[in-house]
Amino acid sequence: MTYFEGPFQALAHRGFAHASVGTEGLENSLAAFGAAVDLGYRYVETDAHGTADGVAVALHDESLDRTTDGAGLVAELPWSDVSEARIGGVEPVPLLEDVLGGWPGLRVNVDVKHNSGIGPVARAIEKTSSWDRVCVTSFDAVRRRATLAKLSRPVATSAGRSEIRTFLAGVRLRVTPLARRALHDVDALQVPVGHRSITVVDAASIAAAHALGKKLHVWTINEPDEMNRLIDEGVDGLVTDRADLLKDVLVERGLWD
């Protein structure tokens, strides 16, 4: 098994949290990941933090406050406290190892959100022997590399913010060695269409990524028209909150496996 499989990667963002399947407000819960799997998704995206006692949990925010009925910074709380919190008041905050181990064929894109997650994320990957099924990423390239250094086997990776900025500079200035150097130790870019006034995804950046042998995934795309436009432009994958709509688009285009 390899992480990047097939002509297109469809990633369910924090699982599939939507009223149509009874998971509205339950992002990054086992229920949301299960809903994505039930739709037929082979890729999900999640975020990871480490608790004060070194346990990796799947949660986007640094604190429990927004998505759960708990409160406090995850990095300052023991797992015994975090485990009592309920996402949307109903679902427990999952251990990362339960996300990785719950569905043996599922590929998981893991964004290491905080330095507290470096060791715990690596231990969860090792414990579940999921090296071939994970893509480790972080906005902070140093954090990503620190996580990778703790693994016994290589895993798929995607670029951090500084690497993406350097890659784009190389593309816009037509300095291929600069773009190549920026992505020398990653397998993919996972980026927004644009950031503030800067266009990130266009024909030039897609072509440059492909010329360097890198995948290009775009987040977070929820409208079918934009999904179709980006697929037409040649992106390799989309990250979406609307797993149902992306599946419909891919089925219609013959890209759903």
Protein backbone atom coordinates (compact mmCIF):
# COMPACT_ATOMS: atom_id res chain seq x y z
CA MET A 1 0.00 0.00 0.00
CA THR A 2 1.14 3.54 -0.76
CA TYR A 3 -0.45 6.72 0.52
CA PHE A 4 -1.07 8.35 -2.86
CA GLU A 5 -3.14 5.88 -4.82
CA GLY A 6 -5.22 6.28 -7.94
CA PRO A 7 -5.55 9.28 -10.24
CA PHE A 8 -7.25 11.50 -7.68
CA GLN A 9 -7.33 11.82 -3.90
CA ALA A 10 -10.60 12.94 -2.28
CA LEU A 11 -10.09 13.90 1.38
CA ALA A 12 -12.93 14.32 3.86
CA HIS A 13 -11.98 17.34 5.98
CA ARG A 14 -12.12 16.39 9.68
CA GLY A 15 -14.35 13.52 8.56
CA PHE A 16 -17.87 14.21 7.30
CA ALA A 17 -19.72 16.38 9.80
CA HIS A 18 -23.11 17.15 8.26
CA ALA A 19 -26.77 17.08 9.21
CA SER A 20 -27.60 14.70 6.35
CA VAL A 21 -25.81 11.88 8.18
CA GLY A 22 -26.47 13.01 11.74
CA THR A 23 -22.96 14.31 12.40
CA GLU A 24 -23.46 18.08 12.19
CA GLY A 25 -21.13 19.84 14.62
CA LEU A 26 -19.09 16.68 15.22
CA GLU A 27 -15.90 17.46 13.29
CA ASN A 28 -12.90 15.26 14.07
CA SER A 29 -15.05 12.70 15.90
CA LEU A 30 -15.05 8.98 15.24
CA ALA A 31 -18.67 9.41 14.12
CA ALA A 32 -17.60 11.93 11.46
CA PHE A 33 -14.73 9.77 10.25
CA GLY A 34 -17.08 6.78 10.15
CA ALA A 35 -19.58 8.79 8.10
CA ALA A 36 -16.85 9.53 5.54
CA VAL A 37 -15.89 5.86 5.38
CA ASP A 38 -19.54 4.90 4.96
CA LEU A 39 -19.69 7.21 1.93
CA GLY A 40 -16.77 5.30 0.46
CA TYR A 41 -13.94 7.70 1.29
CA ARG A 42 -10.46 6.23 1.50
CA TYR A 43 -8.86 9.50 2.69
CA VAL A 44 -9.67 11.71 5.64
CA GLU A 45 -7.93 14.78 6.99
CA THR A 46 -7.46 15.40 10.69
CA ASP A 47 -5.48 17.54 13.10
CA ALA A 48 -3.43 16.46 16.09
CA HIS A 49 -2.35 17.82 19.46
CA GLY A 50 -0.62 16.21 22.39
CA THR A 51 -1.99 16.26 25.93
CA ALA A 52 0.11 17.25 28.95
CA ASP A 53 0.91 13.58 29.53
CA GLY A 54 1.87 12.86 25.93
CA VAL A 55 -1.26 11.42 24.33
CA ALA A 56 -2.09 12.30 20.70
CA VAL A 57 -5.67 13.41 20.11
CA ALA A 58 -7.51 14.29 16.91
CA LEU A 59 -8.66 17.87 17.39
CA HIS A 60 -8.24 21.04 15.35
CA ASP A 61 -8.07 23.78 17.96
CA GLU A 62 -5.47 24.22 20.68
CA SER A 63 -8.30 24.33 23.22
CA LEU A 64 -11.40 22.31 23.88
CA ASP A 65 -13.60 25.39 24.04
CA ARG A 66 -15.03 25.73 20.50
CA THR A 67 -15.91 22.18 19.54
CA THR A 68 -16.51 20.45 22.88
CA ASP A 69 -18.31 20.96 26.16
CA GLY A 70 -14.92 21.08 27.89
CA ALA A 71 -12.51 23.95 28.35
CA GLY A 72 -8.77 24.54 28.48
CA LEU A 73 -5.68 24.05 26.35
CA VAL A 74 -5.12 20.46 25.31
CA ALA A 75 -1.36 20.73 25.86
CA GLU A 76 -1.96 21.73 29.48
CA LEU A 77 -4.50 19.02 30.31
CA PRO A 78 -3.96 15.32 31.02
CA TRP A 79 -5.69 12.77 28.82
CA SER A 80 -7.98 11.87 31.73
CA ASP A 81 -9.47 15.38 31.53
CA VAL A 82 -9.56 15.62 27.73
CA SER A 83 -11.27 12.23 27.54
CA GLU A 84 -14.20 13.62 29.53
CA ALA A 85 -14.92 16.36 26.95
CA ARG A 86 -17.60 15.71 24.33
CA ILE A 87 -17.54 17.10 20.79
CA GLY A 88 -20.87 18.80 20.22
CA GLY A 89 -21.79 17.62 23.71
CA VAL A 90 -22.06 13.99 22.55
CA GLU A 91 -18.91 12.50 21.00
CA PRO A 92 -15.61 11.95 22.83
CA VAL A 93 -12.40 13.51 21.58
CA PRO A 94 -10.73 10.58 19.81
CA LEU A 95 -7.26 9.27 20.35
CA LEU A 96 -5.27 9.61 17.13
CA GLU A 97 -4.39 5.93 17.43
CA ASP A 98 -8.10 5.10 17.32
CA VAL A 99 -8.51 7.05 14.08
CA LEU A 100 -5.46 5.32 12.59
CA GLY A 101 -6.39 1.89 13.89
CA GLY A 102 -10.16 1.96 13.52
CA TRP A 103 -10.24 1.50 9.76
CA PRO A 104 -7.22 -0.54 8.54
CA GLY A 105 -7.54 0.59 4.91
CA LEU A 106 -8.13 4.27 5.64
CA ARG A 107 -5.46 6.81 4.72
CA VAL A 108 -5.17 9.68 7.17
CA ASN A 109 -3.71 13.12 6.51
CA VAL A 110 -2.39 14.27 9.90
CA ASP A 111 -1.72 17.96 10.50
CA VAL A 112 0.51 18.32 13.57
CA LYS A 113 -0.95 21.52 14.96
CA HIS A 114 1.25 22.13 17.99
CA ASN A 115 4.69 21.15 19.25
CA SER A 116 2.93 19.16 21.95
CA GLY A 117 1.92 16.71 19.23
CA ILE A 118 5.36 15.87 17.86
CA GLY A 119 6.20 12.86 20.02
CA PRO A 120 2.62 11.71 20.60
CA VAL A 121 1.78 11.69 16.87
CA ALA A 122 4.91 9.69 16.08
CA ARG A 123 4.08 7.18 18.81
CA ALA A 124 0.52 6.78 17.50
CA ILE A 125 1.81 6.08 13.99
CA GLU A 126 4.33 3.57 15.34
CA LYS A 127 1.78 1.85 17.58
CA THR A 128 -0.65 1.35 14.69
CA SER A 129 2.04 0.50 12.10
CA SER A 130 0.34 2.98 9.79
CA TRP A 131 3.41 4.37 8.04
CA ASP A 132 2.03 3.57 4.57
CA ARG A 133 -1.38 5.09 5.37
CA VAL A 134 -0.45 8.51 6.73
CA CYS A 135 0.65 11.81 5.31
CA VAL A 136 2.29 13.97 7.98
CA THR A 137 2.03 17.70 7.52
CA SER A 138 2.21 20.92 9.48
CA PHE A 139 2.18 24.61 8.69
CA ASP A 140 5.56 24.56 10.47
CA ALA A 141 8.15 22.59 8.49
CA VAL A 142 10.40 22.29 11.56
CA ARG A 143 7.54 20.64 13.47
CA ARG A 144 6.89 18.23 10.60
CA ARG A 145 10.54 17.24 10.38
CA ALA A 146 10.74 16.77 14.15
CA THR A 147 7.79 14.38 13.96
CA LEU A 148 9.33 12.45 11.08
CA ALA A 149 12.63 12.13 12.96
CA LYS A 150 10.85 10.07 15.62
CA LEU A 151 9.48 7.52 13.14
CA SER A 152 11.15 4.22 12.33
CA ARG A 153 10.00 4.30 8.70
CA PRO A 154 9.38 7.06 6.16
CA VAL A 155 5.87 8.37 5.54
CA ALA A 156 4.26 10.65 2.97
CA THR A 157 4.61 14.36 3.67
CA SER A 158 3.33 17.71 2.48
CA ALA A 159 4.89 21.15 2.58
CA GLY A 160 4.69 23.80 5.30
CA ARG A 161 4.02 27.51 4.83
CA SER A 162 7.65 28.61 4.39
CA GLU A 163 8.25 25.91 1.77
CA ILE A 164 5.08 26.84 -0.10
CA ARG A 165 6.08 30.51 -0.17
CA THR A 166 9.52 29.64 -1.53
CA PHE A 167 8.03 27.27 -4.12
CA LEU A 168 5.64 29.97 -5.33
CA ALA A 169 8.48 32.48 -5.54
CA GLY A 170 10.39 30.04 -7.71
CA VAL A 171 7.34 29.51 -9.93
CA ARG A 172 6.58 33.22 -10.36
CA LEU A 173 10.23 34.14 -10.95
CA ARG A 174 10.70 31.09 -13.20
CA VAL A 175 13.63 29.92 -11.09
CA THR A 176 13.12 26.17 -11.17
CA PRO A 177 16.02 25.32 -8.80
CA LEU A 178 14.42 27.51 -6.13
CA ALA A 179 11.06 25.75 -6.49
CA ARG A 180 12.77 22.35 -6.49
CA ARG A 181 14.80 23.13 -3.38
CA ALA A 182 11.67 24.28 -1.54
CA LEU A 183 10.01 20.89 -2.00
CA HIS A 184 13.07 18.65 -1.82
CA ASP A 185 11.87 16.59 1.16
CA VAL A 186 8.09 16.52 0.69
CA ASP A 187 5.73 14.58 -1.54
CA ALA A 188 2.90 17.07 -1.92
CA LEU A 189 1.58 20.57 -1.54
CA GLN A 190 -1.75 21.02 0.23
CA VAL A 191 -2.82 24.59 -0.25
CA PRO A 192 -5.75 27.01 -0.52
CA VAL A 193 -6.73 28.41 -3.92
CA GLY A 194 -5.38 31.75 -2.73
CA HIS A 195 -4.19 33.57 0.35
CA ARG A 196 -5.18 37.21 0.80
CA SER A 197 -4.22 38.83 -2.51
CA ILE A 198 -1.92 35.99 -3.60
CA THR A 199 -3.05 33.36 -6.09
CA VAL A 200 -1.69 30.01 -5.00
CA VAL A 201 -3.32 27.53 -7.37
CA ASP A 202 -3.21 28.21 -11.10
CA ALA A 203 -1.94 26.55 -14.25
CA ALA A 204 1.66 27.58 -13.54
CA SER A 205 1.82 26.28 -9.96
CA ILE A 206 0.07 23.03 -10.88
CA ALA A 207 2.44 22.44 -13.80
CA ALA A 208 5.48 23.27 -11.67
CA ALA A 209 4.42 20.87 -8.92
CA HIS A 210 3.87 18.10 -11.43
CA ALA A 211 7.18 18.78 -13.15
CA LEU A 212 8.84 18.20 -9.76
CA GLY A 213 6.89 14.99 -9.22
CA LYS A 214 4.72 16.43 -6.43
CA LYS A 215 1.00 16.06 -5.81
CA LEU A 216 -1.10 19.20 -5.41
CA HIS A 217 -4.18 19.09 -3.17
CA VAL A 218 -6.45 22.08 -2.56
CA TRP A 219 -8.44 22.96 0.57
CA THR A 220 -11.19 23.52 1.59
CA ILE A 221 -13.45 23.22 -1.46
CA ASN A 222 -17.19 22.88 -0.84
CA GLU A 223 -18.89 24.09 -4.05
CA PRO A 224 -19.34 21.69 -6.99
CA ASP A 225 -18.55 24.36 -9.60
CA GLU A 226 -15.20 25.07 -7.96
CA MET A 227 -14.52 21.35 -7.55
CA ASN A 228 -15.06 20.84 -11.28
CA ARG A 229 -12.95 23.87 -12.21
CA LEU A 230 -9.98 22.73 -10.13
CA ILE A 231 -10.20 19.18 -11.44
CA ASP A 232 -10.26 20.56 -14.98
CA GLU A 233 -7.12 22.55 -14.15
CA GLY A 234 -5.33 19.36 -13.14
CA VAL A 235 -5.13 19.27 -9.34
CA ASP A 236 -4.49 15.84 -7.81
CA GLY A 237 -6.89 16.04 -4.89
CA LEU A 238 -9.43 18.12 -3.00
CA VAL A 239 -10.10 18.50 0.70
CA THR A 240 -13.76 19.18 1.46
CA ASP A 241 -16.32 19.59 4.22
CA ARG A 242 -18.95 18.40 1.73
CA ALA A 243 -17.85 14.85 1.17
CA ASP A 244 -21.25 14.07 -0.30
CA LEU A 245 -21.01 16.73 -3.00
CA LEU A 246 -17.42 15.89 -3.93
CA LYS A 247 -18.35 12.24 -4.29
CA ASP A 248 -21.19 13.19 -6.65
CA VAL A 249 -18.79 15.27 -8.76
CA LEU A 250 -16.23 12.48 -8.93
CA VAL A 251 -18.81 9.82 -9.75
CA GLU A 252 -20.13 11.96 -12.61
CA ARG A 253 -16.59 12.43 -13.93
CA GLY A 254 -15.63 8.76 -13.59
CA LEU A 255 -13.00 9.53 -10.96
CA TRP A 256 -14.64 7.85 -7.98
CA ASP A 257 -13.06 4.53 -7.08
